[in-house]
């Protein structure tokens, strides 16, 4: 169990490689928060990343290495503010 705790504290390098707006390779992914054919929301060491597009499919996910591959028509990549707290809707509402 100590090894799994050590893995969580090690920051993975975060890179994005997009090919022709149809394939996206991402490293440094610690968690996939949600996904559907239009939106993939993932957590990286650099903050929350939202990938928007159409016909999006996760073709590969390796949680040990933090690698994620997405195929589809990609039209947007948005990082959430890294300083924002990760509270729920009510937490953000009453700030």
Protein backbone atom coordinates (compact mmCIF):
# COMPACT_ATOMS: atom_id res chain seq x y z
CA UNK A 1 0.00 0.00 0.00
CA UNK A 2 2.95 2.35 0.49
CA UNK A 3 3.79 2.11 -3.21
CA UNK A 4 0.34 3.31 -4.25
CA UNK A 5 0.66 6.32 -1.94
CA UNK A 6 4.07 7.12 -3.45
CA UNK A 7 2.63 6.93 -6.99
CA UNK A 8 0.03 9.55 -6.11
CA UNK A 9 2.60 12.05 -4.88
CA UNK A 10 4.82 11.78 -7.98
CA UNK A 11 3.84 14.36 -10.58
CA UNK A 12 3.66 13.03 -14.10
CA UNK A 13 4.91 15.12 -17.04
CA UNK A 14 1.97 16.74 -18.80
CA UNK A 15 2.02 16.93 -22.60
CA UNK A 16 -0.57 17.29 -25.35
CA UNK A 17 -0.01 16.08 -28.91
CA UNK A 18 -2.80 16.65 -31.43
CA UNK A 19 -2.76 15.21 -34.94
CA UNK A 20 -5.01 16.88 -37.53
CA UNK A 21 -7.62 17.73 -34.87
CA UNK A 22 -8.64 14.06 -35.00
CA UNK A 23 -6.29 12.38 -32.50
CA UNK A 24 -5.19 13.72 -29.14
CA UNK A 25 -2.51 12.07 -27.01
CA UNK A 26 -2.29 13.38 -23.44
CA UNK A 27 0.20 12.45 -20.71
CA UNK A 28 0.05 13.39 -17.05
CA UNK A 29 -3.60 12.36 -16.63
CA UNK A 30 -4.43 11.33 -13.07
CA UNK A 31 -8.19 10.79 -13.50
CA UNK A 32 -10.99 10.91 -16.08
CA UNK A 33 -13.83 12.79 -14.40
CA UNK A 34 -16.51 12.33 -17.06
CA UNK A 35 -16.89 11.67 -20.76
CA UNK A 36 -19.39 11.40 -23.57
CA UNK A 37 -19.26 11.89 -27.34
CA UNK A 38 -19.07 15.71 -27.05
CA UNK A 39 -16.97 16.29 -23.90
CA UNK A 40 -14.15 14.60 -22.00
CA UNK A 41 -13.26 16.08 -18.59
CA UNK A 42 -10.00 14.94 -17.05
CA UNK A 43 -7.80 15.83 -14.11
CA UNK A 44 -4.10 16.50 -14.64
CA UNK A 45 -1.37 17.91 -12.43
CA UNK A 46 -1.83 21.16 -14.36
CA UNK A 47 -5.53 21.36 -13.50
CA UNK A 48 -8.83 20.21 -14.92
CA UNK A 49 -8.81 19.85 -18.72
CA UNK A 50 -11.98 19.77 -20.82
CA UNK A 51 -11.78 18.43 -24.37
CA UNK A 52 -14.73 19.37 -26.60
CA UNK A 53 -15.65 17.94 -29.96
CA UNK A 54 -17.91 15.46 -31.71
CA UNK A 55 -17.75 11.68 -31.94
CA UNK A 56 -15.10 11.62 -29.19
CA UNK A 57 -13.89 8.20 -28.12
CA UNK A 58 -11.26 7.26 -25.55
CA UNK A 59 -9.17 4.76 -27.48
CA UNK A 60 -6.59 4.15 -24.74
CA UNK A 61 -6.29 4.91 -21.04
CA UNK A 62 -3.38 3.79 -18.89
CA UNK A 63 -3.73 5.04 -15.32
CA UNK A 64 -0.31 3.67 -14.32
CA UNK A 65 1.54 5.87 -16.82
CA UNK A 66 -1.08 8.65 -17.02
CA UNK A 67 -1.52 8.32 -20.79
CA UNK A 68 -4.83 8.96 -22.56
CA UNK A 69 -5.65 8.85 -26.28
CA UNK A 70 -8.82 10.44 -27.69
CA UNK A 71 -10.11 10.03 -31.25
CA UNK A 72 -12.80 12.14 -32.91
CA UNK A 73 -13.35 15.64 -34.23
CA UNK A 74 -11.70 17.93 -31.64
CA UNK A 75 -12.57 21.63 -31.59
CA UNK A 76 -11.67 22.83 -28.10
CA UNK A 77 -9.30 22.36 -25.18
CA UNK A 78 -10.01 24.34 -22.02
CA UNK A 79 -8.16 24.33 -18.70
CA UNK A 80 -10.09 25.30 -15.59
CA UNK A 81 -8.58 27.93 -13.33
CA UNK A 82 -6.00 26.07 -11.26
CA UNK A 83 -6.61 28.42 -8.31
CA UNK A 84 -10.32 27.61 -8.12
CA UNK A 85 -11.39 25.24 -5.40
CA UNK A 86 -12.85 21.91 -6.40
CA UNK A 87 -16.00 22.25 -4.39
CA UNK A 88 -19.42 21.43 -5.69
CA UNK A 89 -21.97 23.74 -7.21
CA UNK A 90 -23.12 25.16 -3.86
CA UNK A 91 -19.54 25.85 -2.77
CA UNK A 92 -18.93 27.89 -5.92
CA UNK A 93 -22.33 29.60 -5.59
CA UNK A 94 -21.69 30.91 -2.06
CA UNK A 95 -18.15 32.23 -2.63
